[in-house]
Amino acid sequence: MKYRKKPVVIDAIKLGIDNVDVVCEFCPPGRTEPNSLGVLIKTLEGEMQASWGDFVIRGIKGEVYPCKPDIFNASYITVEEE
């Protein structure tokens, strides 16, 4: 059997050296720890490292997690703001 993922609109931000504070504010309070590699994010599955250039995604239930740029670009397209 095959399945297709439902179209879901998410919020995301690309992590860069110049926007660490913005990324940390994007995540729920107490869920991030900046470090020399980027930002350590406390996700529902445990701690995950977001590296420079990774996207940080906020899902439909408010969960946050990092995503590598190649996976993000293959999975998501930009939509108009509502």
PDB file of N, CA and C in Angstrom:
ATOM      1  N   MET A   1       0.842  -1.170   0.000  1.00  0.00           N
ATOM      2  CA  MET A   1       0.000   0.000   0.000  1.00  0.00           C
ATOM      3  C   MET A   1       0.890   1.236   0.000  1.00  0.00           C
ATOM      4  N   LYS A   2       0.480   2.272  -0.704  1.00  0.00           N
ATOM      5  CA  LYS A   2       1.226   3.518  -0.757  1.00  0.00           C
ATOM      6  C   LYS A   2       0.413   4.624  -0.094  1.00  0.00           C
ATOM      7  N   TYR A   3       1.131   5.604   0.451  1.00  0.00           N
ATOM      8  CA  TYR A   3       0.484   6.728   1.120  1.00  0.00           C
ATOM      9  C   TYR A   3       1.093   8.032   0.640  1.00  0.00           C
ATOM     10  N   ARG A   4       0.290   9.074   0.635  1.00  0.00           N
ATOM     11  CA  ARG A   4       0.759  10.420   0.294  1.00  0.00           C
ATOM     12  C   ARG A   4       0.602  11.282   1.534  1.00  0.00           C
ATOM     13  N   LYS A   5       1.607  12.080   1.829  1.00  0.00           N
ATOM     14  CA  LYS A   5       1.562  12.967   2.979  1.00  0.00           C
ATOM     15  C   LYS A   5       0.551  14.079   2.737  1.00  0.00           C
ATOM     16  N   LYS A   6      -0.250  14.374   3.773  1.00  0.00           N
ATOM     17  CA  LYS A   6      -1.236  15.449   3.664  1.00  0.00           C
ATOM     18  C   LYS A   6      -0.521  16.790   3.512  1.00  0.00           C
ATOM     19  N   PRO A   7      -1.071  17.673   2.695  1.00  0.00           N
ATOM     20  CA  PRO A   7      -0.450  19.000   2.587  1.00  0.00           C
ATOM     21  C   PRO A   7      -0.678  19.782   3.887  1.00  0.00           C
ATOM     22  N   VAL A   8       0.402  20.184   4.495  1.00  0.00           N
ATOM     23  CA  VAL A   8       0.352  20.908   5.761  1.00  0.00           C
ATOM     24  C   VAL A   8       1.238  22.138   5.643  1.00  0.00           C
ATOM     25  N   VAL A   9       0.762  23.274   6.109  1.00  0.00           N
ATOM     26  CA  VAL A   9       1.565  24.493   6.112  1.00  0.00           C
ATOM     27  C   VAL A   9       2.277  24.573   7.462  1.00  0.00           C
ATOM     28  N   ILE A  10       3.578  24.774   7.426  1.00  0.00           N
ATOM     29  CA  ILE A  10       4.388  24.856   8.637  1.00  0.00           C
ATOM     30  C   ILE A  10       5.118  26.199   8.663  1.00  0.00           C
ATOM     31  N   ASP A  11       5.617  26.570   9.827  1.00  0.00           N
ATOM     32  CA  ASP A  11       6.503  27.721   9.963  1.00  0.00           C
ATOM     33  C   ASP A  11       7.923  27.187  10.045  1.00  0.00           C
ATOM     34  N   ALA A  12       8.863  27.878   9.432  1.00  0.00           N
ATOM     35  CA  ALA A  12      10.263  27.462   9.473  1.00  0.00           C
ATOM     36  C   ALA A  12      11.152  28.684   9.371  1.00  0.00           C
ATOM     37  N   ILE A  13      12.368  28.530   9.870  1.00  0.00           N
ATOM     38  CA  ILE A  13      13.358  29.599   9.814  1.00  0.00           C
ATOM     39  C   ILE A  13      14.717  28.955   9.568  1.00  0.00           C
ATOM     40  N   LYS A  14      15.528  29.577   8.718  1.00  0.00           N
ATOM     41  CA  LYS A  14      16.859  29.050   8.417  1.00  0.00           C
ATOM     42  C   LYS A  14      17.854  29.598   9.434  1.00  0.00           C
ATOM     43  N   LEU A  15      18.615  28.709  10.054  1.00  0.00           N
ATOM     44  CA  LEU A  15      19.583  29.083  11.080  1.00  0.00           C
ATOM     45  C   LEU A  15      20.855  29.632  10.462  1.00  0.00           C
ATOM     46  N   GLY A  16      21.229  30.819  10.891  1.00  0.00           N
ATOM     47  CA  GLY A  16      22.485  31.427  10.467  1.00  0.00           C
ATOM     48  C   GLY A  16      23.187  32.027  11.668  1.00  0.00           C
ATOM     49  N   ILE A  17      24.440  32.341  11.513  1.00  0.00           N
ATOM     50  CA  ILE A  17      25.213  32.924  12.611  1.00  0.00           C
ATOM     51  C   ILE A  17      24.587  34.240  13.072  1.00  0.00           C
ATOM     52  N   ASP A  18      23.963  34.977  12.142  1.00  0.00           N
ATOM     53  CA  ASP A  18      23.411  36.292  12.453  1.00  0.00           C
ATOM     54  C   ASP A  18      21.988  36.269  13.014  1.00  0.00           C
ATOM     55  N   ASN A  19      21.334  35.089  13.108  1.00  0.00           N
ATOM     56  CA  ASN A  19      19.960  35.081  13.600  1.00  0.00           C
ATOM     57  C   ASN A  19      19.696  34.032  14.691  1.00  0.00           C
ATOM     58  N   VAL A  20      20.726  33.697  15.451  1.00  0.00           N
ATOM     59  CA  VAL A  20      20.574  32.699  16.515  1.00  0.00           C
ATOM     60  C   VAL A  20      19.489  33.126  17.498  1.00  0.00           C
ATOM     61  N   ASP A  21      19.478  34.411  17.896  1.00  0.00           N
ATOM     62  CA  ASP A  21      18.470  34.891  18.844  1.00  0.00           C
ATOM     63  C   ASP A  21      17.055  34.744  18.283  1.00  0.00           C
ATOM     64  N   VAL A  22      16.894  35.033  16.997  1.00  0.00           N
ATOM     65  CA  VAL A  22      15.578  34.919  16.361  1.00  0.00           C
ATOM     66  C   VAL A  22      15.126  33.461  16.349  1.00  0.00           C
ATOM     67  N   VAL A  23      16.042  32.546  16.039  1.00  0.00           N
ATOM     68  CA  VAL A  23      15.712  31.120  16.031  1.00  0.00           C
ATOM     69  C   VAL A  23      15.325  30.661  17.437  1.00  0.00           C
ATOM     70  N   CYS A  24      16.059  31.108  18.444  1.00  0.00           N
ATOM     71  CA  CYS A  24      15.740  30.726  19.826  1.00  0.00           C
ATOM     72  C   CYS A  24      14.377  31.273  20.259  1.00  0.00           C
ATOM     73  N   GLU A  25      14.024  32.478  19.802  1.00  0.00           N
ATOM     74  CA  GLU A  25      12.701  33.038  20.103  1.00  0.00           C
ATOM     75  C   GLU A  25      11.598  32.300  19.344  1.00  0.00           C
ATOM     76  N   PHE A  26      11.913  31.758  18.177  1.00  0.00           N
ATOM     77  CA  PHE A  26      10.975  30.999  17.358  1.00  0.00           C
ATOM     78  C   PHE A  26      10.552  29.701  18.063  1.00  0.00           C
ATOM     79  N   CYS A  27      11.461  29.153  18.867  1.00  0.00           N
ATOM     80  CA  CYS A  27      11.217  27.901  19.583  1.00  0.00           C
ATOM     81  C   CYS A  27      10.567  28.184  20.933  1.00  0.00           C
ATOM     82  N   PRO A  28       9.864  27.191  21.500  1.00  0.00           N
ATOM     83  CA  PRO A  28       9.287  27.380  22.831  1.00  0.00           C
ATOM     84  C   PRO A  28      10.386  27.694  23.855  1.00  0.00           C
ATOM     85  N   PRO A  29      10.072  28.488  24.876  1.00  0.00           N
ATOM     86  CA  PRO A  29      11.050  28.856  25.899  1.00  0.00           C
ATOM     87  C   PRO A  29      11.696  27.629  26.543  1.00  0.00           C
ATOM     88  N   GLY A  30      13.002  27.720  26.760  1.00  0.00           N
ATOM     89  CA  GLY A  30      13.727  26.655  27.428  1.00  0.00           C
ATOM     90  C   GLY A  30      14.047  25.449  26.563  1.00  0.00           C
ATOM     91  N   ARG A  31      13.790  25.518  25.262  1.00  0.00           N
ATOM     92  CA  ARG A  31      14.012  24.374  24.373  1.00  0.00           C
ATOM     93  C   ARG A  31      15.273  24.490  23.538  1.00  0.00           C
ATOM     94  N   THR A  32      16.024  25.594  23.676  1.00  0.00           N
ATOM     95  CA  THR A  32      17.204  25.781  22.834  1.00  0.00           C
ATOM     96  C   THR A  32      18.430  26.111  23.670  1.00  0.00           C
ATOM     97  N   GLU A  33      19.572  25.744  23.127  1.00  0.00           N
ATOM     98  CA  GLU A  33      20.857  26.061  23.751  1.00  0.00           C
ATOM     99  C   GLU A  33      21.860  26.346  22.633  1.00  0.00           C
ATOM    100  N   PRO A  34      22.159  27.634  22.385  1.00  0.00           N
ATOM    101  CA  PRO A  34      23.142  27.962  21.355  1.00  0.00           C
ATOM    102  C   PRO A  34      24.506  27.379  21.703  1.00  0.00           C
ATOM    103  N   ASN A  35      25.242  26.969  20.673  1.00  0.00           N
ATOM    104  CA  ASN A  35      26.600  26.456  20.860  1.00  0.00           C
ATOM    105  C   ASN A  35      27.420  26.780  19.617  1.00  0.00           C
ATOM    106  N   SER A  36      28.662  26.356  19.590  1.00  0.00           N
ATOM    107  CA  SER A  36      29.549  26.703  18.478  1.00  0.00           C
ATOM    108  C   SER A  36      29.141  26.043  17.158  1.00  0.00           C
ATOM    109  N   LEU A  37      28.323  25.008  17.204  1.00  0.00           N
ATOM    110  CA  LEU A  37      27.870  24.309  15.995  1.00  0.00           C
ATOM    111  C   LEU A  37      26.552  24.847  15.459  1.00  0.00           C
ATOM    112  N   GLY A  38      25.849  25.645  16.261  1.00  0.00           N
ATOM    113  CA  GLY A  38      24.536  26.160  15.900  1.00  0.00           C
ATOM    114  C   GLY A  38      23.666  26.270  17.135  1.00  0.00           C
ATOM    115  N   VAL A  39      22.591  25.468  17.176  1.00  0.00           N
ATOM    116  CA  VAL A  39      21.670  25.490  18.312  1.00  0.00           C
ATOM    117  C   VAL A  39      21.240  24.060  18.626  1.00  0.00           C
ATOM    118  N   LEU A  40      21.344  23.689  19.897  1.00  0.00           N
ATOM    119  CA  LEU A  40      20.843  22.407  20.359  1.00  0.00           C
ATOM    120  C   LEU A  40      19.368  22.605  20.706  1.00  0.00           C
ATOM    121  N   ILE A  41      18.498  21.770  20.128  1.00  0.00           N
ATOM    122  CA  ILE A  41      17.059  21.912  20.323  1.00  0.00           C
ATOM    123  C   ILE A  41      16.522  20.695  21.056  1.00  0.00           C
ATOM    124  N   LYS A  42      15.767  20.942  22.101  1.00  0.00           N
ATOM    125  CA  LYS A  42      15.104  19.859  22.834  1.00  0.00           C
ATOM    126  C   LYS A  42      13.790  19.567  22.115  1.00  0.00           C
ATOM    127  N   THR A  43      13.736  18.417  21.426  1.00  0.00           N
ATOM    128  CA  THR A  43      12.558  18.028  20.661  1.00  0.00           C
ATOM    129  C   THR A  43      11.774  16.975  21.430  1.00  0.00           C
ATOM    130  N   LEU A  44      10.650  16.566  20.886  1.00  0.00           N
ATOM    131  CA  LEU A  44       9.852  15.502  21.501  1.00  0.00           C
ATOM    132  C   LEU A  44      10.601  14.180  21.512  1.00  0.00           C
ATOM    133  N   GLU A  45      11.552  14.010  20.586  1.00  0.00           N
ATOM    134  CA  GLU A  45      12.331  12.775  20.483  1.00  0.00           C
ATOM    135  C   GLU A  45      13.666  12.848  21.216  1.00  0.00           C
ATOM    136  N   GLY A  46      13.973  13.970  21.854  1.00  0.00           N
ATOM    137  CA  GLY A  46      15.255  14.159  22.525  1.00  0.00           C
ATOM    138  C   GLY A  46      15.975  15.369  21.967  1.00  0.00           C
ATOM    139  N   GLU A  47      17.227  15.545  22.347  1.00  0.00           N
ATOM    140  CA  GLU A  47      18.001  16.691  21.884  1.00  0.00           C
ATOM    141  C   GLU A  47      18.530  16.452  20.470  1.00  0.00           C
ATOM    142  N   MET A  48      18.393  17.481  19.628  1.00  0.00           N
ATOM    143  CA  MET A  48      18.876  17.412  18.253  1.00  0.00           C
ATOM    144  C   MET A  48      19.665  18.686  17.951  1.00  0.00           C
ATOM    145  N   GLN A  49      20.778  18.540  17.247  1.00  0.00           N
ATOM    146  CA  GLN A  49      21.618  19.671  16.889  1.00  0.00           C
ATOM    147  C   GLN A  49      21.159  20.279  15.575  1.00  0.00           C
ATOM    148  N   ALA A  50      20.858  21.573  15.585  1.00  0.00           N
ATOM    149  CA  ALA A  50      20.606  22.328  14.356  1.00  0.00           C
ATOM    150  C   ALA A  50      21.922  23.014  14.001  1.00  0.00           C
ATOM    151  N   SER A  51      22.468  22.685  12.857  1.00  0.00           N
ATOM    152  CA  SER A  51      23.735  23.267  12.409  1.00  0.00           C
ATOM    153  C   SER A  51      23.474  24.487  11.557  1.00  0.00           C
ATOM    154  N   TRP A  52      24.528  25.282  11.350  1.00  0.00           N
ATOM    155  CA  TRP A  52      24.397  26.474  10.505  1.00  0.00           C
ATOM    156  C   TRP A  52      23.860  26.074   9.134  1.00  0.00           C
ATOM    157  N   GLY A  53      22.833  26.775   8.671  1.00  0.00           N
ATOM    158  CA  GLY A  53      22.233  26.491   7.374  1.00  0.00           C
ATOM    159  C   GLY A  53      21.046  25.548   7.440  1.00  0.00           C
ATOM    160  N   ASP A  54      20.859  24.858   8.570  1.00  0.00           N
ATOM    161  CA  ASP A  54      19.689  23.994   8.730  1.00  0.00           C
ATOM    162  C   ASP A  54      18.436  24.846   8.913  1.00  0.00           C
ATOM    163  N   PHE A  55      17.294  24.268   8.612  1.00  0.00           N
ATOM    164  CA  PHE A  55      16.023  24.911   8.896  1.00  0.00           C
ATOM    165  C   PHE A  55      15.515  24.392  10.229  1.00  0.00           C
ATOM    166  N   VAL A  56      14.859  25.257  10.979  1.00  0.00           N
ATOM    167  CA  VAL A  56      14.168  24.842  12.202  1.00  0.00           C
ATOM    168  C   VAL A  56      12.683  24.955  11.884  1.00  0.00           C
ATOM    169  N   ILE A  57      11.985  23.839  12.022  1.00  0.00           N
ATOM    170  CA  ILE A  57      10.578  23.742  11.655  1.00  0.00           C
ATOM    171  C   ILE A  57       9.722  23.732  12.916  1.00  0.00           C
ATOM    172  N   ARG A  58       8.614  24.467  12.864  1.00  0.00           N
ATOM    173  CA  ARG A  58       7.610  24.388  13.921  1.00  0.00           C
ATOM    174  C   ARG A  58       6.404  23.680  13.308  1.00  0.00           C
ATOM    175  N   GLY A  59       6.086  22.514  13.835  1.00  0.00           N
ATOM    176  CA  GLY A  59       5.009  21.696  13.291  1.00  0.00           C
ATOM    177  C   GLY A  59       3.624  22.162  13.696  1.00  0.00           C
ATOM    178  N   ILE A  60       2.621  21.418  13.278  1.00  0.00           N
ATOM    179  CA  ILE A  60       1.232  21.822  13.476  1.00  0.00           C
ATOM    180  C   ILE A  60       0.789  21.778  14.936  1.00  0.00           C
ATOM    181  N   LYS A  61       1.530  21.075  15.772  1.00  0.00           N
ATOM    182  CA  LYS A  61       1.201  21.026  17.202  1.00  0.00           C
ATOM    183  C   LYS A  61       2.183  21.836  18.040  1.00  0.00           C
ATOM    184  N   GLY A  62       2.981  22.685  17.381  1.00  0.00           N
ATOM    185  CA  GLY A  62       3.923  23.538  18.082  1.00  0.00           C
ATOM    186  C   GLY A  62       5.271  22.896  18.348  1.00  0.00           C
ATOM    187  N   GLU A  63       5.460  21.652  17.916  1.00  0.00           N
ATOM    188  CA  GLU A  63       6.733  20.971  18.110  1.00  0.00           C
ATOM    189  C   GLU A  63       7.790  21.580  17.189  1.00  0.00           C
ATOM    190  N   VAL A  64       9.035  21.594  17.625  1.00  0.00           N
ATOM    191  CA  VAL A  64      10.117  22.147  16.817  1.00  0.00           C
ATOM    192  C   VAL A  64      11.202  21.107  16.623  1.00  0.00           C
ATOM    193  N   TYR A  65      11.831  21.157  15.467  1.00  0.00           N
ATOM    194  CA  TYR A  65      12.905  20.222  15.158  1.00  0.00           C
ATOM    195  C   TYR A  65      13.714  20.747  13.979  1.00  0.00           C
ATOM    196  N   PRO A  66      15.007  20.380  13.916  1.00  0.00           N
ATOM    197  CA  PRO A  66      15.842  20.818  12.804  1.00  0.00           C
ATOM    198  C   PRO A  66      15.650  19.937  11.573  1.00  0.00           C
ATOM    199  N   CYS A  67      15.966  20.513  10.405  1.00  0.00           N
ATOM    200  CA  CYS A  67      15.850  19.789   9.140  1.00  0.00           C
ATOM    201  C   CYS A  67      16.975  20.257   8.225  1.00  0.00           C
ATOM    202  N   LYS A  68      17.696  19.316   7.645  1.00  0.00           N
ATOM    203  CA  LYS A  68      18.778  19.650   6.715  1.00  0.00           C
ATOM    204  C   LYS A  68      18.198  20.347   5.482  1.00  0.00           C
ATOM    205  N   PRO A  69      18.946  21.301   4.903  1.00  0.00           N
ATOM    206  CA  PRO A  69      18.437  22.079   3.775  1.00  0.00           C
ATOM    207  C   PRO A  69      18.001  21.237   2.571  1.00  0.00           C
ATOM    208  N   ASP A  70      18.731  20.171   2.245  1.00  0.00           N
ATOM    209  CA  ASP A  70      18.348  19.369   1.076  1.00  0.00           C
ATOM    210  C   ASP A  70      17.016  18.658   1.301  1.00  0.00           C
ATOM    211  N   ILE A  71      16.791  18.168   2.496  1.00  0.00           N
ATOM    212  CA  ILE A  71      15.514  17.516   2.817  1.00  0.00           C
ATOM    213  C   ILE A  71      14.396  18.553   2.848  1.00  0.00           C
ATOM    214  N   PHE A  72      14.673  19.709   3.446  1.00  0.00           N
ATOM    215  CA  PHE A  72      13.668  20.776   3.513  1.00  0.00           C
ATOM    216  C   PHE A  72      13.250  21.205   2.106  1.00  0.00           C
ATOM    217  N   ASN A  73      14.226  21.465   1.248  1.00  0.00           N
ATOM    218  CA  ASN A  73      13.918  21.925  -0.108  1.00  0.00           C
ATOM    219  C   ASN A  73      13.215  20.866  -0.947  1.00  0.00           C
ATOM    220  N   ALA A  74      13.447  19.593  -0.669  1.00  0.00           N
ATOM    221  CA  ALA A  74      12.759  18.526  -1.394  1.00  0.00           C
ATOM    222  C   ALA A  74      11.335  18.311  -0.870  1.00  0.00           C
ATOM    223  N   SER A  75      11.071  18.774   0.353  1.00  0.00           N
ATOM    224  CA  SER A  75       9.785  18.489   0.994  1.00  0.00           C
ATOM    225  C   SER A  75       8.827  19.671   1.034  1.00  0.00           C
ATOM    226  N   TYR A  76       9.350  20.899   0.983  1.00  0.00           N
ATOM    227  CA  TYR A  76       8.501  22.074   1.194  1.00  0.00           C
ATOM    228  C   TYR A  76       8.665  23.072   0.067  1.00  0.00           C
ATOM    229  N   ILE A  77       7.602  23.844  -0.178  1.00  0.00           N
ATOM    230  CA  ILE A  77       7.633  24.963  -1.091  1.00  0.00           C
ATOM    231  C   ILE A  77       7.122  26.193  -0.332  1.00  0.00           C
ATOM    232  N   THR A  78       7.519  27.366  -0.766  1.00  0.00           N
ATOM    233  CA  THR A  78       7.062  28.611  -0.135  1.00  0.00           C
ATOM    234  C   THR A  78       5.610  28.860  -0.490  1.00  0.00           C
ATOM    235  N   VAL A  79       4.801  29.259   0.498  1.00  0.00           N
ATOM    236  CA  VAL A  79       3.414  29.628   0.268  1.00  0.00           C
ATOM    237  C   VAL A  79       3.217  31.080   0.651  1.00  0.00           C
ATOM    238  N   GLU A  80       2.175  31.669   0.142  1.00  0.00           N
ATOM    239  CA  GLU A  80       1.860  33.068   0.464  1.00  0.00           C
ATOM    240  C   GLU A  80       1.421  33.175   1.915  1.00  0.00           C
ATOM    241  N   GLU A  81       1.782  34.290   2.546  1.00  0.00           N
ATOM    242  CA  GLU A  81       1.320  34.569   3.907  1.00  0.00           C
ATOM    243  C   GLU A  81      -0.179  34.808   3.868  1.00  0.00           C
ATOM    244  N   GLU A  82      -0.868  34.346   4.912  1.00  0.00           N
ATOM    245  CA  GLU A  82      -2.322  34.552   4.968  1.00  0.00           C
ATOM    246  C   GLU A  82      -2.655  35.840   5.674  1.00  0.00           C
TER     247      GLU A  82
END
